[in-house]
Amino acid sequence: YNLCRDRIVVRELDQIRVKGKNEAVRIYELIGKTDLSLSDNRKRFLDLYQAGRNAYIKRDFHQALKYFTDALEIQPNDRPVKTHINRAKNYCDHPPDDSWDGVYTMTTK
């Protein structure tokens, strides 16, 4: 991604740590080239999703849930949004410990 970031638009889907590894990996969805014209609806969706990710990383899970829920209204079948809604709900009820770094650690390979 870093080699072509000035030519493409992406959505960061997640930051994960695979089982048995310490280093986190960022996962992106390719949206298109930077000259791609996005609809207002798509722009709004991407903005809400990114705001949700930002709130999620900052441990503001209630706010993240609001952003992700608003994004889901625009794109009801978006799996990354649904995944983040489930995680945010879980963290609202069971906050992660102080060592949590915003990375999702996979427990299976």
C-alpha atoms as a PDB file:
ATOM      1  CA  TYR A   1       0.000   0.000   0.000  1.00  0.00           C
ATOM      2  CA  ASN A   2       2.726   2.480   0.923  1.00  0.00           C
ATOM      3  CA  LEU A   3       4.302   2.183  -2.516  1.00  0.00           C
ATOM      4  CA  CYS A   4       1.147   3.326  -4.326  1.00  0.00           C
ATOM      5  CA  ARG A   5      -0.792   5.319  -1.707  1.00  0.00           C
ATOM      6  CA  ASP A   6      -0.652   8.480  -3.834  1.00  0.00           C
ATOM      7  CA  ARG A   7      -2.423   6.724  -6.736  1.00  0.00           C
ATOM      8  CA  ILE A   8      -5.165   4.703  -5.051  1.00  0.00           C
ATOM      9  CA  VAL A   9      -8.031   5.104  -2.608  1.00  0.00           C
ATOM     10  CA  VAL A  10      -8.382   2.395   0.016  1.00  0.00           C
ATOM     11  CA  ARG A  11     -10.442   1.599   3.066  1.00  0.00           C
ATOM     12  CA  GLU A  12      -8.555   0.170   6.020  1.00  0.00           C
ATOM     13  CA  LEU A  13     -10.629  -2.844   6.956  1.00  0.00           C
ATOM     14  CA  ASP A  14      -8.786  -3.930  10.036  1.00  0.00           C
ATOM     15  CA  GLN A  15      -5.525  -4.321  11.809  1.00  0.00           C
ATOM     16  CA  ILE A  16      -4.945  -7.925  12.833  1.00  0.00           C
ATOM     17  CA  ARG A  17      -2.387 -10.048  14.558  1.00  0.00           C
ATOM     18  CA  VAL A  18      -2.385 -13.653  13.409  1.00  0.00           C
ATOM     19  CA  LYS A  19      -2.096 -16.447  15.940  1.00  0.00           C
ATOM     20  CA  GLY A  20       1.499 -17.015  16.975  1.00  0.00           C
ATOM     21  CA  LYS A  21       2.788 -13.660  15.683  1.00  0.00           C
ATOM     22  CA  ASN A  22       3.492 -10.407  17.504  1.00  0.00           C
ATOM     23  CA  GLU A  23       3.461  -8.001  14.575  1.00  0.00           C
ATOM     24  CA  ALA A  24       0.138  -6.559  13.433  1.00  0.00           C
ATOM     25  CA  VAL A  25      -0.844  -6.387   9.768  1.00  0.00           C
ATOM     26  CA  ARG A  26      -3.167  -3.802   8.232  1.00  0.00           C
ATOM     27  CA  ILE A  27      -5.784  -5.076   5.797  1.00  0.00           C
ATOM     28  CA  TYR A  28      -7.124  -2.773   3.083  1.00  0.00           C
ATOM     29  CA  GLU A  29      -9.921  -2.797   0.539  1.00  0.00           C
ATOM     30  CA  LEU A  30      -9.050  -1.220  -2.791  1.00  0.00           C
ATOM     31  CA  ILE A  31     -11.681   1.389  -3.661  1.00  0.00           C
ATOM     32  CA  GLY A  32     -10.098   2.631  -6.887  1.00  0.00           C
ATOM     33  CA  LYS A  33      -7.654   5.058  -8.400  1.00  0.00           C
ATOM     34  CA  THR A  34      -7.403   8.528  -6.900  1.00  0.00           C
ATOM     35  CA  ASP A  35      -9.095  10.014  -9.968  1.00  0.00           C
ATOM     36  CA  LEU A  36     -12.171   7.812  -9.417  1.00  0.00           C
ATOM     37  CA  SER A  37     -15.349   9.804  -8.894  1.00  0.00           C
ATOM     38  CA  LEU A  38     -17.266   8.458  -5.893  1.00  0.00           C
ATOM     39  CA  SER A  39     -20.966   9.031  -5.350  1.00  0.00           C
ATOM     40  CA  ASP A  40     -21.980  11.198  -2.393  1.00  0.00           C
ATOM     41  CA  ASN A  41     -23.484   8.100  -0.773  1.00  0.00           C
ATOM     42  CA  ARG A  42     -20.222   6.161  -1.124  1.00  0.00           C
ATOM     43  CA  LYS A  43     -18.208   9.098   0.239  1.00  0.00           C
ATOM     44  CA  ARG A  44     -20.573   9.385   3.214  1.00  0.00           C
ATOM     45  CA  PHE A  45     -20.298   5.655   3.866  1.00  0.00           C
ATOM     46  CA  LEU A  46     -16.495   5.724   3.753  1.00  0.00           C
ATOM     47  CA  ASP A  47     -16.380   8.791   6.025  1.00  0.00           C
ATOM     48  CA  LEU A  48     -18.682   7.134   8.579  1.00  0.00           C
ATOM     49  CA  TYR A  49     -16.685   3.920   8.454  1.00  0.00           C
ATOM     50  CA  GLN A  50     -13.395   5.767   8.985  1.00  0.00           C
ATOM     51  CA  ALA A  51     -14.883   7.794  11.843  1.00  0.00           C
ATOM     52  CA  GLY A  52     -16.023   4.515  13.377  1.00  0.00           C
ATOM     53  CA  ARG A  53     -12.553   3.012  13.017  1.00  0.00           C
ATOM     54  CA  ASN A  54     -10.996   6.107  14.591  1.00  0.00           C
ATOM     55  CA  ALA A  55     -13.380   5.983  17.567  1.00  0.00           C
ATOM     56  CA  TYR A  56     -12.836   2.226  17.885  1.00  0.00           C
ATOM     57  CA  ILE A  57      -9.046   2.603  18.012  1.00  0.00           C
ATOM     58  CA  LYS A  58      -9.446   5.332  20.661  1.00  0.00           C
ATOM     59  CA  ARG A  59     -11.558   2.903  22.735  1.00  0.00           C
ATOM     60  CA  ASP A  60     -14.685   5.042  22.338  1.00  0.00           C
ATOM     61  CA  PHE A  61     -16.793   1.996  21.528  1.00  0.00           C
ATOM     62  CA  HIS A  62     -20.176   3.669  22.040  1.00  0.00           C
ATOM     63  CA  GLN A  63     -19.297   6.371  19.496  1.00  0.00           C
ATOM     64  CA  ALA A  64     -17.797   3.776  17.156  1.00  0.00           C
ATOM     65  CA  LEU A  65     -21.037   1.817  17.354  1.00  0.00           C
ATOM     66  CA  LYS A  66     -23.001   4.906  16.319  1.00  0.00           C
ATOM     67  CA  TYR A  67     -20.783   5.570  13.297  1.00  0.00           C
ATOM     68  CA  PHE A  68     -20.801   1.932  12.207  1.00  0.00           C
ATOM     69  CA  THR A  69     -24.583   1.700  12.601  1.00  0.00           C
ATOM     70  CA  ASP A  70     -25.016   4.822  10.454  1.00  0.00           C
ATOM     71  CA  ALA A  71     -22.671   3.329   7.849  1.00  0.00           C
ATOM     72  CA  LEU A  72     -24.660   0.091   7.872  1.00  0.00           C
ATOM     73  CA  GLU A  73     -27.819   2.025   6.981  1.00  0.00           C
ATOM     74  CA  ILE A  74     -26.083   3.129   3.778  1.00  0.00           C
ATOM     75  CA  GLN A  75     -24.605  -0.287   2.948  1.00  0.00           C
ATOM     76  CA  PRO A  76     -26.588  -2.940   4.845  1.00  0.00           C
ATOM     77  CA  ASN A  77     -24.557  -5.898   3.556  1.00  0.00           C
ATOM     78  CA  ASP A  78     -21.075  -4.598   4.389  1.00  0.00           C
ATOM     79  CA  ARG A  79     -19.310  -7.368   6.328  1.00  0.00           C
ATOM     80  CA  PRO A  80     -16.480  -5.236   7.778  1.00  0.00           C
ATOM     81  CA  VAL A  81     -19.062  -2.858   9.273  1.00  0.00           C
ATOM     82  CA  LYS A  82     -21.015  -5.774  10.735  1.00  0.00           C
ATOM     83  CA  THR A  83     -17.805  -7.214  12.181  1.00  0.00           C
ATOM     84  CA  HIS A  84     -16.915  -3.903  13.818  1.00  0.00           C
ATOM     85  CA  ILE A  85     -20.444  -3.488  15.185  1.00  0.00           C
ATOM     86  CA  ASN A  86     -20.180  -6.900  16.851  1.00  0.00           C
ATOM     87  CA  ARG A  87     -16.754  -6.119  18.279  1.00  0.00           C
ATOM     88  CA  ALA A  88     -17.799  -2.653  19.499  1.00  0.00           C
ATOM     89  CA  LYS A  89     -20.890  -4.114  21.200  1.00  0.00           C
ATOM     90  CA  ASN A  90     -18.723  -6.719  22.877  1.00  0.00           C
ATOM     91  CA  TYR A  91     -16.211  -4.092  24.040  1.00  0.00           C
ATOM     92  CA  CYS A  92     -19.015  -1.880  25.383  1.00  0.00           C
ATOM     93  CA  ASP A  93     -20.047  -4.778  27.624  1.00  0.00           C
ATOM     94  CA  HIS A  94     -16.566  -6.194  28.240  1.00  0.00           C
ATOM     95  CA  PRO A  95     -13.905  -3.475  27.770  1.00  0.00           C
ATOM     96  CA  PRO A  96     -10.467  -4.689  26.742  1.00  0.00           C
ATOM     97  CA  ASP A  97      -7.644  -4.413  29.241  1.00  0.00           C
ATOM     98  CA  ASP A  98      -5.255  -1.469  29.284  1.00  0.00           C
ATOM     99  CA  SER A  99      -2.744  -3.256  27.062  1.00  0.00           C
ATOM    100  CA  TRP A 100      -5.213  -3.375  24.133  1.00  0.00           C
ATOM    101  CA  ASP A 101      -3.668  -1.619  21.133  1.00  0.00           C
ATOM    102  CA  GLY A 102      -6.626  -1.591  18.752  1.00  0.00           C
ATOM    103  CA  VAL A 103      -5.422  -4.694  16.967  1.00  0.00           C
ATOM    104  CA  TYR A 104      -7.673  -7.729  16.611  1.00  0.00           C
ATOM    105  CA  THR A 105      -5.731 -10.826  17.616  1.00  0.00           C
ATOM    106  CA  MET A 106      -6.866 -13.938  15.794  1.00  0.00           C
ATOM    107  CA  THR A 107      -7.154 -16.987  18.014  1.00  0.00           C
ATOM    108  CA  THR A 108      -7.203 -19.582  15.204  1.00  0.00           C
ATOM    109  CA  LYS A 109      -5.207 -20.044  12.027  1.00  0.00           C
END
